[in-house]
């Protein structure tokens, strides 16, 4: 007979290659085990395998409504001998919101970590539990310009979820845009004009006169943290070697700041961006 542990082991074994999200895995476990899932996962917190304990922490922290009955068992994992289990708990325990107040002393300890990512993750979890800690939000917001890519992504995701507004940061916007760009050679300009941030992206010619990998994944861009898209408008812009050249205009907000992004599928000459 298949147990919760068996299923959890399967999920965690294939964590790096499996396309299922933790939410998908939770749905599968709930379908398979029903009301037995929380007791089963709670038992897994004491499993001899750190991978099983880590997986149990991950799933218990996303169950809705939050399994408060498992909270005391979860808190014991802050002293787990496996650091990956502790880190999983630092990231997830904030989802218990005010129910997780007993976790605050542990999170405060992690908020002094020399690792910036873990420090900011702890601050985010503290704020989720105690939203009156406004000074923490200011620290978290400043980290959106961190030199650490993982920290920037973590902070942008959190700020988007909590609908925070930020001053426009051109480098962060460029990073988000380029994640949706399928092409290695490009030209980039960005500046403020006519009440909005205007950005333009285009490929350069390759030596044979062709273009490099032209594709802008607007759906992916639309789903990036902090991005709110009003419209996407394709239009023709001349021809090259008998082929239509296109440009794509995308307008919206990035953490509350207006932007107009024009993706040219041709080299840009003399852009008038201030």
C-alpha atoms as a PDB file:
ATOM      1  CA  UNK A   1       0.000   0.000   0.000  1.00  0.00           C
ATOM      2  CA  UNK A   2       1.397   3.389  -1.014  1.00  0.00           C
ATOM      3  CA  UNK A   3       2.023   5.772   1.888  1.00  0.00           C
ATOM      4  CA  UNK A   4       2.411   9.555   2.101  1.00  0.00           C
ATOM      5  CA  UNK A   5       6.119   8.978   2.611  1.00  0.00           C
ATOM      6  CA  UNK A   6       6.353   6.873  -0.555  1.00  0.00           C
ATOM      7  CA  UNK A   7       4.743   9.599  -2.635  1.00  0.00           C
ATOM      8  CA  UNK A   8       6.841  12.318  -1.007  1.00  0.00           C
ATOM      9  CA  UNK A   9      10.016  10.350  -1.685  1.00  0.00           C
ATOM     10  CA  UNK A  10       9.052  10.045  -5.335  1.00  0.00           C
ATOM     11  CA  UNK A  11       8.403  13.787  -5.598  1.00  0.00           C
ATOM     12  CA  UNK A  12      11.669  14.776  -3.924  1.00  0.00           C
ATOM     13  CA  UNK A  13      13.780  12.287  -5.874  1.00  0.00           C
ATOM     14  CA  UNK A  14      12.736  13.916  -9.125  1.00  0.00           C
ATOM     15  CA  UNK A  15      12.641  17.465  -7.785  1.00  0.00           C
ATOM     16  CA  UNK A  16      15.254  18.783 -10.236  1.00  0.00           C
ATOM     17  CA  UNK A  17      13.636  17.386 -13.373  1.00  0.00           C
ATOM     18  CA  UNK A  18       9.941  17.027 -12.510  1.00  0.00           C
ATOM     19  CA  UNK A  19       7.771  19.753 -14.024  1.00  0.00           C
ATOM     20  CA  UNK A  20       5.208  19.520 -11.226  1.00  0.00           C
ATOM     21  CA  UNK A  21       5.121  22.519  -8.889  1.00  0.00           C
ATOM     22  CA  UNK A  22       4.744  22.039  -5.104  1.00  0.00           C
ATOM     23  CA  UNK A  23       1.073  23.029  -5.535  1.00  0.00           C
ATOM     24  CA  UNK A  24       0.618  20.306  -8.165  1.00  0.00           C
ATOM     25  CA  UNK A  25       2.235  17.780  -5.860  1.00  0.00           C
ATOM     26  CA  UNK A  26      -0.001  18.853  -3.007  1.00  0.00           C
ATOM     27  CA  UNK A  27      -3.065  18.369  -5.203  1.00  0.00           C
ATOM     28  CA  UNK A  28      -1.867  14.879  -6.080  1.00  0.00           C
ATOM     29  CA  UNK A  29      -1.297  14.006  -2.416  1.00  0.00           C
ATOM     30  CA  UNK A  30      -4.688  15.378  -1.373  1.00  0.00           C
ATOM     31  CA  UNK A  31      -6.394  13.352  -4.091  1.00  0.00           C
ATOM     32  CA  UNK A  32      -4.552  10.198  -3.017  1.00  0.00           C
ATOM     33  CA  UNK A  33      -4.774  10.497   0.771  1.00  0.00           C
ATOM     34  CA  UNK A  34      -7.528  12.997   1.627  1.00  0.00           C
ATOM     35  CA  UNK A  35      -7.700  13.877   5.316  1.00  0.00           C
ATOM     36  CA  UNK A  36      -4.770  11.577   6.095  1.00  0.00           C
ATOM     37  CA  UNK A  37      -2.318  13.897   4.353  1.00  0.00           C
ATOM     38  CA  UNK A  38      -1.581  16.214   7.311  1.00  0.00           C
ATOM     39  CA  UNK A  39      -0.942  13.424   9.849  1.00  0.00           C
ATOM     40  CA  UNK A  40       1.099  11.607   7.222  1.00  0.00           C
ATOM     41  CA  UNK A  41       3.256  14.650   6.436  1.00  0.00           C
ATOM     42  CA  UNK A  42       3.628  15.460  10.135  1.00  0.00           C
ATOM     43  CA  UNK A  43       5.010  11.951  10.713  1.00  0.00           C
ATOM     44  CA  UNK A  44       7.447  12.574   7.852  1.00  0.00           C
ATOM     45  CA  UNK A  45       8.958  15.505   9.788  1.00  0.00           C
ATOM     46  CA  UNK A  46      10.658  12.924  12.027  1.00  0.00           C
ATOM     47  CA  UNK A  47      11.804  10.703   9.170  1.00  0.00           C
ATOM     48  CA  UNK A  48      15.441   9.605   9.126  1.00  0.00           C
ATOM     49  CA  UNK A  49      15.877  10.989   5.592  1.00  0.00           C
ATOM     50  CA  UNK A  50      16.575  14.752   5.401  1.00  0.00           C
ATOM     51  CA  UNK A  51      15.065  14.739   1.913  1.00  0.00           C
ATOM     52  CA  UNK A  52      11.758  13.473   3.295  1.00  0.00           C
ATOM     53  CA  UNK A  53      11.825  16.000   6.148  1.00  0.00           C
ATOM     54  CA  UNK A  54      12.540  18.810   3.687  1.00  0.00           C
ATOM     55  CA  UNK A  55       9.685  17.707   1.434  1.00  0.00           C
ATOM     56  CA  UNK A  56       7.271  17.487   4.363  1.00  0.00           C
ATOM     57  CA  UNK A  57       8.165  21.049   5.418  1.00  0.00           C
ATOM     58  CA  UNK A  58       7.681  22.306   1.855  1.00  0.00           C
ATOM     59  CA  UNK A  59       4.230  20.776   1.413  1.00  0.00           C
ATOM     60  CA  UNK A  60       2.916  21.530   4.921  1.00  0.00           C
ATOM     61  CA  UNK A  61       3.724  25.222   4.425  1.00  0.00           C
ATOM     62  CA  UNK A  62       1.495  25.523   1.349  1.00  0.00           C
ATOM     63  CA  UNK A  63      -1.557  23.548   2.489  1.00  0.00           C
ATOM     64  CA  UNK A  64      -4.704  25.666   2.690  1.00  0.00           C
ATOM     65  CA  UNK A  65      -6.085  26.216   5.242  1.00  0.00           C
ATOM     66  CA  UNK A  66      -2.748  26.215   7.065  1.00  0.00           C
ATOM     67  CA  UNK A  67      -2.316  23.048   9.163  1.00  0.00           C
ATOM     68  CA  UNK A  68      -1.903  24.795  12.531  1.00  0.00           C
ATOM     69  CA  UNK A  69      -2.008  21.371  14.178  1.00  0.00           C
ATOM     70  CA  UNK A  70       1.379  20.633  12.574  1.00  0.00           C
ATOM     71  CA  UNK A  71       2.989  23.918  13.647  1.00  0.00           C
ATOM     72  CA  UNK A  72       4.687  22.677  16.813  1.00  0.00           C
ATOM     73  CA  UNK A  73       6.216  19.764  14.897  1.00  0.00           C
ATOM     74  CA  UNK A  74       7.369  22.153  12.173  1.00  0.00           C
ATOM     75  CA  UNK A  75       9.063  24.480  14.659  1.00  0.00           C
ATOM     76  CA  UNK A  76      11.242  21.611  15.899  1.00  0.00           C
ATOM     77  CA  UNK A  77      12.803  21.487  12.424  1.00  0.00           C
ATOM     78  CA  UNK A  78      14.504  24.830  13.082  1.00  0.00           C
ATOM     79  CA  UNK A  79      17.003  22.705  15.024  1.00  0.00           C
ATOM     80  CA  UNK A  80      17.202  20.034  12.327  1.00  0.00           C
ATOM     81  CA  UNK A  81      20.672  18.608  11.797  1.00  0.00           C
ATOM     82  CA  UNK A  82      20.249  19.107   8.018  1.00  0.00           C
ATOM     83  CA  UNK A  83      20.715  22.751   7.015  1.00  0.00           C
ATOM     84  CA  UNK A  84      18.544  22.312   3.907  1.00  0.00           C
ATOM     85  CA  UNK A  85      15.571  21.419   6.119  1.00  0.00           C
ATOM     86  CA  UNK A  86      16.095  24.561   8.207  1.00  0.00           C
ATOM     87  CA  UNK A  87      16.367  26.715   5.081  1.00  0.00           C
ATOM     88  CA  UNK A  88      13.150  25.205   3.696  1.00  0.00           C
ATOM     89  CA  UNK A  89      11.393  26.170   6.927  1.00  0.00           C
ATOM     90  CA  UNK A  90      12.772  29.724   6.887  1.00  0.00           C
ATOM     91  CA  UNK A  91      11.298  30.129   3.407  1.00  0.00           C
ATOM     92  CA  UNK A  92       7.938  28.526   4.122  1.00  0.00           C
ATOM     93  CA  UNK A  93       6.914  29.283   7.692  1.00  0.00           C
ATOM     94  CA  UNK A  94       5.813  32.831   6.829  1.00  0.00           C
ATOM     95  CA  UNK A  95       2.825  31.347   4.994  1.00  0.00           C
ATOM     96  CA  UNK A  96       1.268  30.656   8.406  1.00  0.00           C
ATOM     97  CA  UNK A  97       0.924  34.454   8.851  1.00  0.00           C
ATOM     98  CA  UNK A  98      -0.076  35.453  12.394  1.00  0.00           C
ATOM     99  CA  UNK A  99      -0.445  31.784  13.380  1.00  0.00           C
ATOM    100  CA  UNK A 100       3.325  31.484  13.034  1.00  0.00           C
ATOM    101  CA  UNK A 101       4.289  33.998  15.735  1.00  0.00           C
ATOM    102  CA  UNK A 102       6.041  31.307  17.737  1.00  0.00           C
ATOM    103  CA  UNK A 103       8.514  31.035  14.834  1.00  0.00           C
ATOM    104  CA  UNK A 104       9.662  34.658  15.168  1.00  0.00           C
ATOM    105  CA  UNK A 105      12.585  34.012  17.597  1.00  0.00           C
ATOM    106  CA  UNK A 106      13.990  31.425  15.174  1.00  0.00           C
ATOM    107  CA  UNK A 107      13.547  33.723  12.182  1.00  0.00           C
ATOM    108  CA  UNK A 108      15.190  36.624  14.029  1.00  0.00           C
ATOM    109  CA  UNK A 109      18.240  34.419  14.408  1.00  0.00           C
ATOM    110  CA  UNK A 110      18.300  33.774  10.670  1.00  0.00           C
ATOM    111  CA  UNK A 111      17.840  37.471   9.932  1.00  0.00           C
ATOM    112  CA  UNK A 112      21.468  37.961  11.048  1.00  0.00           C
ATOM    113  CA  UNK A 113      22.793  35.393   8.582  1.00  0.00           C
ATOM    114  CA  UNK A 114      25.951  36.423   6.683  1.00  0.00           C
ATOM    115  CA  UNK A 115      24.252  35.055   3.553  1.00  0.00           C
ATOM    116  CA  UNK A 116      22.201  37.874   2.006  1.00  0.00           C
ATOM    117  CA  UNK A 117      19.669  35.526   0.411  1.00  0.00           C
ATOM    118  CA  UNK A 118      18.894  33.742   3.693  1.00  0.00           C
ATOM    119  CA  UNK A 119      18.853  37.025   5.592  1.00  0.00           C
ATOM    120  CA  UNK A 120      16.288  38.566   3.231  1.00  0.00           C
ATOM    121  CA  UNK A 121      14.263  35.355   3.126  1.00  0.00           C
ATOM    122  CA  UNK A 122      14.043  35.449   6.925  1.00  0.00           C
ATOM    123  CA  UNK A 123      12.976  39.121   6.891  1.00  0.00           C
ATOM    124  CA  UNK A 124      10.259  38.343   4.342  1.00  0.00           C
ATOM    125  CA  UNK A 125       8.932  35.505   6.503  1.00  0.00           C
ATOM    126  CA  UNK A 126       8.993  37.721   9.604  1.00  0.00           C
ATOM    127  CA  UNK A 127       7.018  40.400   7.761  1.00  0.00           C
ATOM    128  CA  UNK A 128       4.458  37.855   6.545  1.00  0.00           C
ATOM    129  CA  UNK A 129       3.906  36.852  10.171  1.00  0.00           C
ATOM    130  CA  UNK A 130       4.023  40.379  11.630  1.00  0.00           C
ATOM    131  CA  UNK A 131       3.027  42.962   9.011  1.00  0.00           C
ATOM    132  CA  UNK A 132       3.399  45.778  11.543  1.00  0.00           C
ATOM    133  CA  UNK A 133       7.163  45.518  11.149  1.00  0.00           C
ATOM    134  CA  UNK A 134       7.253  48.316   8.562  1.00  0.00           C
ATOM    135  CA  UNK A 135      10.986  48.860   8.997  1.00  0.00           C
ATOM    136  CA  UNK A 136      11.570  45.392   7.550  1.00  0.00           C
ATOM    137  CA  UNK A 137       9.693  46.265   4.375  1.00  0.00           C
ATOM    138  CA  UNK A 138      12.067  49.172   3.812  1.00  0.00           C
ATOM    139  CA  UNK A 139      15.084  46.849   4.129  1.00  0.00           C
ATOM    140  CA  UNK A 140      13.460  44.336   1.781  1.00  0.00           C
ATOM    141  CA  UNK A 141      12.677  47.044  -0.790  1.00  0.00           C
ATOM    142  CA  UNK A 142      16.285  48.249  -0.802  1.00  0.00           C
ATOM    143  CA  UNK A 143      17.405  44.726  -1.619  1.00  0.00           C
ATOM    144  CA  UNK A 144      15.656  44.912  -4.986  1.00  0.00           C
ATOM    145  CA  UNK A 145      18.912  46.449  -6.288  1.00  0.00           C
ATOM    146  CA  UNK A 146      21.113  43.735  -4.762  1.00  0.00           C
ATOM    147  CA  UNK A 147      24.072  42.507  -6.813  1.00  0.00           C
ATOM    148  CA  UNK A 148      22.853  38.948  -6.141  1.00  0.00           C
ATOM    149  CA  UNK A 149      20.480  37.789  -8.877  1.00  0.00           C
ATOM    150  CA  UNK A 150      18.718  35.293  -6.578  1.00  0.00           C
ATOM    151  CA  UNK A 151      18.062  38.012  -4.008  1.00  0.00           C
ATOM    152  CA  UNK A 152      16.613  40.353  -6.655  1.00  0.00           C
ATOM    153  CA  UNK A 153      14.295  37.628  -7.932  1.00  0.00           C
ATOM    154  CA  UNK A 154      13.184  36.725  -4.402  1.00  0.00           C
ATOM    155  CA  UNK A 155      12.463  40.353  -3.502  1.00  0.00           C
ATOM    156  CA  UNK A 156      10.681  41.172  -6.780  1.00  0.00           C
ATOM    157  CA  UNK A 157       8.420  38.149  -6.373  1.00  0.00           C
ATOM    158  CA  UNK A 158       7.539  39.139  -2.804  1.00  0.00           C
ATOM    159  CA  UNK A 159       6.975  42.817  -3.628  1.00  0.00           C
ATOM    160  CA  UNK A 160       4.739  41.858  -6.561  1.00  0.00           C
ATOM    161  CA  UNK A 161       2.700  39.505  -4.357  1.00  0.00           C
ATOM    162  CA  UNK A 162       2.181  42.259  -1.779  1.00  0.00           C
ATOM    163  CA  UNK A 163       1.440  44.862  -4.503  1.00  0.00           C
ATOM    164  CA  UNK A 164       4.236  47.204  -3.433  1.00  0.00           C
ATOM    165  CA  UNK A 165       5.164  50.219  -5.570  1.00  0.00           C
ATOM    166  CA  UNK A 166       8.787  51.015  -6.364  1.00  0.00           C
ATOM    167  CA  UNK A 167      10.730  53.727  -8.157  1.00  0.00           C
ATOM    168  CA  UNK A 168      11.555  52.567 -11.678  1.00  0.00           C
ATOM    169  CA  UNK A 169      14.863  50.695 -11.775  1.00  0.00           C
ATOM    170  CA  UNK A 170      16.136  50.459 -15.340  1.00  0.00           C
ATOM    171  CA  UNK A 171      18.557  47.565 -14.774  1.00  0.00           C
ATOM    172  CA  UNK A 172      15.906  45.429 -13.067  1.00  0.00           C
ATOM    173  CA  UNK A 173      13.464  46.194 -15.879  1.00  0.00           C
ATOM    174  CA  UNK A 174      16.094  45.285 -18.462  1.00  0.00           C
ATOM    175  CA  UNK A 175      16.733  41.998 -16.658  1.00  0.00           C
ATOM    176  CA  UNK A 176      13.020  41.135 -16.727  1.00  0.00           C
ATOM    177  CA  UNK A 177      12.750  42.061 -20.421  1.00  0.00           C
ATOM    178  CA  UNK A 178      15.770  40.012 -21.438  1.00  0.00           C
ATOM    179  CA  UNK A 179      14.414  36.934 -19.667  1.00  0.00           C
ATOM    180  CA  UNK A 180      11.592  37.051 -22.222  1.00  0.00           C
ATOM    181  CA  UNK A 181      13.911  37.665 -25.179  1.00  0.00           C
ATOM    182  CA  UNK A 182      15.021  34.722 -27.278  1.00  0.00           C
ATOM    183  CA  UNK A 183      18.140  36.018 -28.986  1.00  0.00           C
ATOM    184  CA  UNK A 184      21.736  36.585 -27.986  1.00  0.00           C
ATOM    185  CA  UNK A 185      22.465  39.767 -29.917  1.00  0.00           C
ATOM    186  CA  UNK A 186      20.492  42.869 -29.064  1.00  0.00           C
ATOM    187  CA  UNK A 187      20.537  46.611 -28.694  1.00  0.00           C
ATOM    188  CA  UNK A 188      19.032  48.229 -25.608  1.00  0.00           C
ATOM    189  CA  UNK A 189      18.013  51.782 -24.747  1.00  0.00           C
ATOM    190  CA  UNK A 190      15.912  53.043 -21.847  1.00  0.00           C
ATOM    191  CA  UNK A 191      14.937  56.531 -20.658  1.00  0.00           C
ATOM    192  CA  UNK A 192      12.092  58.663 -19.365  1.00  0.00           C
ATOM    193  CA  UNK A 193       9.972  60.509 -21.936  1.00  0.00           C
ATOM    194  CA  UNK A 194       6.371  61.800 -22.180  1.00  0.00           C
ATOM    195  CA  UNK A 195       5.422  60.666 -18.689  1.00  0.00           C
ATOM    196  CA  UNK A 196       6.560  57.058 -19.067  1.00  0.00           C
ATOM    197  CA  UNK A 197       9.719  54.993 -19.168  1.00  0.00           C
ATOM    198  CA  UNK A 198      10.516  54.205 -22.800  1.00  0.00           C
ATOM    199  CA  UNK A 199      12.625  51.173 -23.569  1.00  0.00           C
ATOM    200  CA  UNK A 200      13.672  49.649 -26.865  1.00  0.00           C
ATOM    201  CA  UNK A 201      15.215  46.305 -27.667  1.00  0.00           C
ATOM    202  CA  UNK A 202      16.550  45.079 -31.001  1.00  0.00           C
ATOM    203  CA  UNK A 203      18.957  42.557 -32.500  1.00  0.00           C
ATOM    204  CA  UNK A 204      22.109  43.462 -34.347  1.00  0.00           C
ATOM    205  CA  UNK A 205      22.930  42.136 -37.803  1.00  0.00           C
ATOM    206  CA  UNK A 206      25.012  39.002 -37.934  1.00  0.00           C
ATOM    207  CA  UNK A 207      27.894  38.890 -40.374  1.00  0.00           C
ATOM    208  CA  UNK A 208      25.748  37.233 -43.038  1.00  0.00           C
ATOM    209  CA  UNK A 209      23.137  40.017 -42.807  1.00  0.00           C
ATOM    210  CA  UNK A 210      20.542  37.848 -41.071  1.00  0.00           C
ATOM    211  CA  UNK A 211      19.080  38.427 -37.627  1.00  0.00           C
ATOM    212  CA  UNK A 212      19.865  36.528 -34.445  1.00  0.00           C
ATOM    213  CA  UNK A 213      17.074  34.362 -32.966  1.00  0.00           C
ATOM    214  CA  UNK A 214      14.121  36.712 -33.110  1.00  0.00           C
ATOM    215  CA  UNK A 215      11.417  36.020 -30.593  1.00  0.00           C
ATOM    216  CA  UNK A 216       9.968  37.981 -27.714  1.00  0.00           C
ATOM    217  CA  UNK A 217       7.830  35.852 -25.396  1.00  0.00           C
ATOM    218  CA  UNK A 218       5.209  38.432 -24.418  1.00  0.00           C
ATOM    219  CA  UNK A 219       3.197  35.889 -22.384  1.00  0.00           C
ATOM    220  CA  UNK A 220       6.260  35.102 -20.290  1.00  0.00           C
ATOM    221  CA  UNK A 221       6.942  38.823 -19.852  1.00  0.00           C
ATOM    222  CA  UNK A 222       3.354  39.412 -18.747  1.00  0.00           C
ATOM    223  CA  UNK A 223       3.805  36.870 -15.935  1.00  0.00           C
ATOM    224  CA  UNK A 224       7.053  38.314 -14.567  1.00  0.00           C
ATOM    225  CA  UNK A 225       6.904  39.726 -11.003  1.00  0.00           C
ATOM    226  CA  UNK A 226       5.960  43.407 -10.917  1.00  0.00           C
ATOM    227  CA  UNK A 227       4.829  43.543 -14.550  1.00  0.00           C
ATOM    228  CA  UNK A 228       1.283  44.652 -15.401  1.00  0.00           C
ATOM    229  CA  UNK A 229       0.602  44.712 -19.145  1.00  0.00           C
ATOM    230  CA  UNK A 230      -2.096  46.940 -20.651  1.00  0.00           C
ATOM    231  CA  UNK A 231      -1.672  45.965 -24.280  1.00  0.00           C
ATOM    232  CA  UNK A 232       0.618  44.258 -26.780  1.00  0.00           C
ATOM    233  CA  UNK A 233       0.441  45.684 -30.302  1.00  0.00           C
ATOM    234  CA  UNK A 234       2.303  44.180 -33.273  1.00  0.00           C
ATOM    235  CA  UNK A 235       2.727  46.255 -36.417  1.00  0.00           C
ATOM    236  CA  UNK A 236       4.691  46.118 -39.655  1.00  0.00           C
ATOM    237  CA  UNK A 237       7.729  48.372 -39.965  1.00  0.00           C
ATOM    238  CA  UNK A 238       9.112  47.915 -43.472  1.00  0.00           C
ATOM    239  CA  UNK A 239      10.938  45.073 -45.141  1.00  0.00           C
ATOM    240  CA  UNK A 240      14.398  43.540 -45.190  1.00  0.00           C
ATOM    241  CA  UNK A 241      15.496  41.133 -47.936  1.00  0.00           C
ATOM    242  CA  UNK A 242      11.899  40.901 -49.088  1.00  0.00           C
ATOM    243  CA  UNK A 243      10.673  39.862 -45.624  1.00  0.00           C
ATOM    244  CA  UNK A 244       8.350  41.864 -43.410  1.00  0.00           C
ATOM    245  CA  UNK A 245      10.119  43.346 -40.412  1.00  0.00           C
ATOM    246  CA  UNK A 246       7.996  43.647 -37.330  1.00  0.00           C
ATOM    247  CA  UNK A 247       8.100  45.548 -34.126  1.00  0.00           C
ATOM    248  CA  UNK A 248       6.126  44.825 -31.016  1.00  0.00           C
ATOM    249  CA  UNK A 249       4.923  47.512 -28.623  1.00  0.00           C
ATOM    250  CA  UNK A 250       4.125  46.590 -25.041  1.00  0.00           C
ATOM    251  CA  UNK A 251       2.691  49.103 -22.564  1.00  0.00           C
ATOM    252  CA  UNK A 252       2.043  48.683 -18.866  1.00  0.00           C
ATOM    253  CA  UNK A 253       3.421  49.242 -15.405  1.00  0.00           C
ATOM    254  CA  UNK A 254       6.517  47.896 -13.659  1.00  0.00           C
ATOM    255  CA  UNK A 255       5.900  48.019  -9.901  1.00  0.00           C
ATOM    256  CA  UNK A 256       3.523  50.918 -10.524  1.00  0.00           C
ATOM    257  CA  UNK A 257       5.693  52.950 -12.944  1.00  0.00           C
ATOM    258  CA  UNK A 258       4.413  53.388 -16.507  1.00  0.00           C
ATOM    259  CA  UNK A 259       6.509  51.909 -19.309  1.00  0.00           C
ATOM    260  CA  UNK A 260       6.372  51.553 -23.069  1.00  0.00           C
ATOM    261  CA  UNK A 261       8.580  48.813 -24.459  1.00  0.00           C
ATOM    262  CA  UNK A 262       9.221  48.546 -28.182  1.00  0.00           C
ATOM    263  CA  UNK A 263      10.774  45.330 -29.445  1.00  0.00           C
ATOM    264  CA  UNK A 264      12.248  45.914 -32.909  1.00  0.00           C
ATOM    265  CA  UNK A 265      13.037  42.935 -35.055  1.00  0.00           C
ATOM    266  CA  UNK A 266      15.669  45.012 -36.844  1.00  0.00           C
ATOM    267  CA  UNK A 267      18.696  47.070 -35.776  1.00  0.00           C
ATOM    268  CA  UNK A 268      17.869  50.440 -34.240  1.00  0.00           C
ATOM    269  CA  UNK A 269      19.523  53.571 -35.556  1.00  0.00           C
ATOM    270  CA  UNK A 270      19.704  56.859 -33.655  1.00  0.00           C
ATOM    271  CA  UNK A 271      17.109  56.129 -30.970  1.00  0.00           C
ATOM    272  CA  UNK A 272      15.785  59.342 -29.422  1.00  0.00           C
ATOM    273  CA  UNK A 273      15.686  58.229 -25.803  1.00  0.00           C
ATOM    274  CA  UNK A 274      16.643  60.743 -23.150  1.00  0.00           C
END
